[in-house]
Amino acid sequence: MGRYAGPKARVNRRLGALLYENSGAARASERREAPPGMHSRSKRPSNYGSALQAKQKIKHYYGLGERQLRRTFDNVRHKRGDTGLMLLQLCERRLDNVVRRAGFTKTRPQARQGIAHGHFQVNGVKVTKPSYLLRPGDVITVRNRENLLMLYRGLSDQSQGERLDWVAFDSDTLRATVQGTPGQADISLPVDVNMVVEFLSR
């Protein structure tokens, strides 16, 4: 995908959520909670506008492009079960998301950059695709290079890793083990995904 390089605080304010977690964007969002622009928008958005906003939340939060999101949706739309839940489960199983949530890094863009530069291995094999889908039994480690181990030990100490029932993370060895698949309670993004499913089904 084309990496979003614009002002992240504006995205946080426009969509009303902390989608970009870097300290500058977080501080700017705290200073100004209202959407960007000269005039505040008191008008309630239409159903289309609300669905579009929910879709944008998913794209920015997980770092997906439009094609990537639609391709992920196409993978689950004809399967049995809750389409919205399955869509978010696939997003949660992405390598960059698990690297961030387990506690290797402080933000998802940081996780994506590290993966693209070949800093991480899955089951002992270097993986450079942030969109790599993890399965139960997969083991994520940092490549055995002193500079990388020092870097991610420091980041791990600073990051606010989340306790995940389906991923076990050992901060001493910098090793994360996927123990299952994410359930509904494990979805980290509060969004009305049913609106997004309806939007993408048009």
Protein backbone atom coordinates (compact mmCIF):
# COMPACT_ATOMS: atom_id res chain seq x y z
CA MET A 1 0.00 0.00 0.00
CA GLY A 2 1.03 3.63 -0.33
CA ARG A 3 2.12 4.59 3.18
CA TYR A 4 0.13 7.47 4.66
CA ALA A 5 2.61 10.26 5.32
CA GLY A 6 0.22 13.11 6.11
CA PRO A 7 -0.54 14.72 9.47
CA LYS A 8 -1.58 11.86 11.75
CA ALA A 9 -3.15 14.06 14.43
CA ARG A 10 -5.65 15.37 11.87
CA VAL A 11 -6.73 11.81 11.09
CA ASN A 12 -7.17 11.09 14.80
CA ARG A 13 -9.27 14.21 15.25
CA ARG A 14 -11.32 13.72 12.10
CA LEU A 15 -12.22 10.13 12.92
CA GLY A 16 -12.50 10.67 16.67
CA ALA A 17 -10.14 7.87 17.77
CA LEU A 18 -6.47 7.36 18.61
CA LEU A 19 -5.63 5.51 15.38
CA TYR A 20 -2.04 6.76 15.24
CA GLU A 21 -0.34 6.24 18.60
CA ASN A 22 2.89 8.21 18.24
CA SER A 23 3.38 10.75 21.01
CA GLY A 24 3.08 13.83 18.78
CA ALA A 25 -0.26 12.78 17.30
CA ALA A 26 -1.58 11.76 20.71
CA ARG A 27 -0.63 15.10 22.31
CA ALA A 28 -2.13 17.08 19.42
CA SER A 29 -5.36 15.07 19.67
CA GLU A 30 -5.56 15.80 23.40
CA ARG A 31 -5.10 19.53 22.82
CA ARG A 32 -7.79 19.69 20.14
CA GLU A 33 -10.47 17.03 20.23
CA ALA A 34 -12.73 18.72 17.66
CA PRO A 35 -12.43 17.71 13.97
CA PRO A 36 -9.92 19.78 11.96
CA GLY A 37 -11.18 22.78 10.04
CA MET A 38 -12.20 26.37 10.72
CA HIS A 39 -15.82 25.61 11.59
CA SER A 40 -16.94 22.84 13.89
CA ARG A 41 -19.34 20.37 12.33
CA SER A 42 -22.38 19.89 14.50
CA LYS A 43 -24.36 18.18 11.73
CA ARG A 44 -25.00 14.50 12.29
CA PRO A 45 -23.41 12.45 9.46
CA SER A 46 -25.59 10.45 7.11
CA ASN A 47 -25.60 6.63 7.13
CA TYR A 48 -23.24 6.72 4.16
CA GLY A 49 -20.94 9.18 5.96
CA SER A 50 -20.90 7.07 9.13
CA ALA A 51 -20.10 3.90 7.15
CA LEU A 52 -17.34 5.70 5.24
CA GLN A 53 -15.87 6.97 8.52
CA ALA A 54 -15.91 3.45 10.00
CA LYS A 55 -14.15 2.10 6.91
CA GLN A 56 -11.50 4.84 7.16
CA LYS A 57 -10.92 3.89 10.81
CA ILE A 58 -10.12 0.30 9.82
CA LYS A 59 -7.84 1.42 6.99
CA HIS A 60 -5.80 3.85 9.09
CA TYR A 61 -5.70 1.70 12.23
CA TYR A 62 -4.43 -1.45 10.52
CA GLY A 63 -2.47 0.36 7.78
CA LEU A 64 -4.51 -1.00 4.87
CA GLY A 65 -4.96 0.45 1.42
CA GLU A 66 -8.34 0.41 -0.31
CA ARG A 67 -7.42 -2.60 -2.44
CA GLN A 68 -6.04 -4.49 0.54
CA LEU A 69 -9.21 -3.92 2.55
CA ARG A 70 -11.46 -5.02 -0.31
CA ARG A 71 -9.29 -8.07 -0.97
CA THR A 72 -9.50 -9.03 2.71
CA PHE A 73 -13.27 -8.52 2.60
CA ASP A 74 -13.55 -10.72 -0.51
CA ASN A 75 -11.73 -13.49 1.38
CA VAL A 76 -14.47 -13.69 4.01
CA ARG A 77 -17.67 -12.45 2.38
CA HIS A 78 -18.77 -15.89 1.11
CA LYS A 79 -17.76 -17.85 4.21
CA ARG A 80 -20.23 -18.98 6.85
CA GLY A 81 -20.34 -16.92 10.01
CA ASP A 82 -20.21 -13.27 11.00
CA THR A 83 -18.57 -11.51 8.05
CA GLY A 84 -17.65 -8.41 10.05
CA LEU A 85 -16.02 -10.40 12.84
CA MET A 86 -14.08 -12.55 10.36
CA LEU A 87 -12.87 -9.38 8.58
CA LEU A 88 -11.50 -7.90 11.81
CA GLN A 89 -10.03 -11.27 12.85
CA LEU A 90 -7.97 -11.33 9.65
CA CYS A 91 -6.79 -7.78 10.36
CA GLU A 92 -5.85 -8.74 13.93
CA ARG A 93 -3.83 -11.72 12.68
CA ARG A 94 -1.59 -9.54 10.51
CA LEU A 95 2.05 -9.74 11.55
CA ASP A 96 2.44 -5.97 12.00
CA ASN A 97 -0.60 -5.84 14.29
CA VAL A 98 0.60 -8.74 16.45
CA VAL A 99 4.12 -7.28 16.68
CA ARG A 100 2.60 -4.03 17.97
CA ARG A 101 0.02 -5.53 20.33
CA ALA A 102 2.39 -8.10 21.82
CA GLY A 103 4.78 -5.30 22.83
CA PHE A 104 7.75 -5.43 20.42
CA THR A 105 7.12 -1.83 19.30
CA LYS A 106 5.25 1.30 20.40
CA THR A 107 3.20 1.88 17.21
CA ARG A 108 1.96 -0.04 14.18
CA PRO A 109 3.92 2.08 11.65
CA GLN A 110 7.04 1.25 13.69
CA ALA A 111 6.15 -2.46 13.50
CA ARG A 112 5.55 -2.26 9.73
CA GLN A 113 8.90 -0.55 9.17
CA GLY A 114 10.77 -3.16 11.23
CA ILE A 115 9.10 -6.04 9.36
CA ALA A 116 9.74 -4.48 5.94
CA HIS A 117 13.44 -4.09 6.90
CA GLY A 118 13.67 -7.77 7.78
CA HIS A 119 14.04 -7.42 11.55
CA PHE A 120 11.58 -10.22 12.42
CA GLN A 121 11.35 -13.95 11.86
CA VAL A 122 8.35 -16.27 11.93
CA ASN A 123 9.24 -19.86 12.81
CA GLY A 124 12.92 -19.04 12.18
CA VAL A 125 12.33 -17.62 8.68
CA LYS A 126 12.72 -13.90 7.90
CA VAL A 127 9.40 -12.32 6.89
CA THR A 128 9.25 -8.91 5.21
CA LYS A 129 5.49 -8.71 4.56
CA PRO A 130 3.58 -6.77 7.25
CA SER A 131 0.36 -8.38 5.97
CA TYR A 132 1.61 -11.93 6.69
CA LEU A 133 -1.25 -13.82 8.41
CA LEU A 134 -0.24 -15.67 11.55
CA ARG A 135 -1.63 -19.06 12.55
CA PRO A 136 -1.77 -20.93 15.87
CA GLY A 137 1.69 -22.30 16.69
CA ASP A 138 3.63 -19.57 14.87
CA VAL A 139 6.58 -18.11 16.81
CA ILE A 140 7.73 -14.52 16.23
CA THR A 141 11.30 -13.58 17.14
CA VAL A 142 13.73 -10.73 16.46
CA ARG A 143 16.65 -11.68 14.22
CA ASN A 144 19.69 -12.66 16.25
CA ARG A 145 21.71 -9.49 15.71
CA GLU A 146 23.00 -7.52 18.66
CA ASN A 147 21.91 -4.11 17.38
CA LEU A 148 18.35 -5.34 16.67
CA LEU A 149 18.04 -7.10 20.01
CA MET A 150 19.15 -3.93 21.82
CA LEU A 151 16.75 -1.80 19.78
CA TYR A 152 13.68 -3.95 20.42
CA ARG A 153 14.52 -4.53 24.08
CA GLY A 154 14.47 -0.77 24.52
CA LEU A 155 11.24 -0.40 22.54
CA SER A 156 9.64 -3.27 24.43
CA ASP A 157 10.44 -1.58 27.75
CA GLN A 158 8.80 1.65 26.53
CA SER A 159 5.81 0.15 24.74
CA GLN A 160 2.47 -0.54 26.34
CA GLY A 161 1.98 -4.09 25.19
CA GLU A 162 -1.50 -5.51 25.66
CA ARG A 163 -2.24 -8.77 27.41
CA LEU A 164 -3.56 -11.06 24.67
CA ASP A 165 -5.26 -14.37 25.42
CA TRP A 166 -4.22 -15.74 22.04
CA VAL A 167 -0.58 -14.56 22.00
CA ALA A 168 2.07 -15.21 24.68
CA PHE A 169 4.95 -12.70 24.75
CA ASP A 170 8.23 -13.14 26.63
CA SER A 171 9.91 -9.73 26.91
CA ASP A 172 13.18 -11.26 28.16
CA THR A 173 13.73 -13.43 25.07
CA LEU A 174 11.71 -11.17 22.71
CA ARG A 175 9.63 -14.13 21.64
CA ALA A 176 5.89 -14.18 20.90
CA THR A 177 3.94 -17.41 20.40
CA VAL A 178 0.52 -17.49 18.72
CA GLN A 179 -1.64 -19.80 20.82
CA GLY A 180 -4.98 -19.44 19.07
CA THR A 181 -7.09 -17.03 17.04
CA PRO A 182 -8.58 -13.71 18.19
CA GLY A 183 -12.16 -13.74 19.43
CA GLN A 184 -14.64 -10.87 19.48
CA ALA A 185 -13.30 -9.64 22.84
CA ASP A 186 -9.77 -9.50 21.38
CA ILE A 187 -10.60 -6.95 18.67
CA SER A 188 -8.69 -3.81 19.63
CA LEU A 189 -10.52 -1.29 17.39
CA PRO A 190 -13.96 -0.08 18.55
CA VAL A 191 -15.85 0.24 15.27
CA ASP A 192 -19.29 -0.67 13.91
CA VAL A 193 -18.00 -3.24 11.44
CA ASN A 194 -21.51 -4.14 10.21
CA MET A 195 -21.74 -0.70 8.61
CA VAL A 196 -18.43 -1.39 6.86
CA VAL A 197 -19.68 -4.76 5.60
CA GLU A 198 -22.79 -3.10 4.14
CA PHE A 199 -20.63 -0.36 2.61
CA LEU A 200 -18.23 -2.84 0.96
CA SER A 201 -21.09 -5.06 -0.24
CA ARG A 202 -22.49 -2.34 -2.52
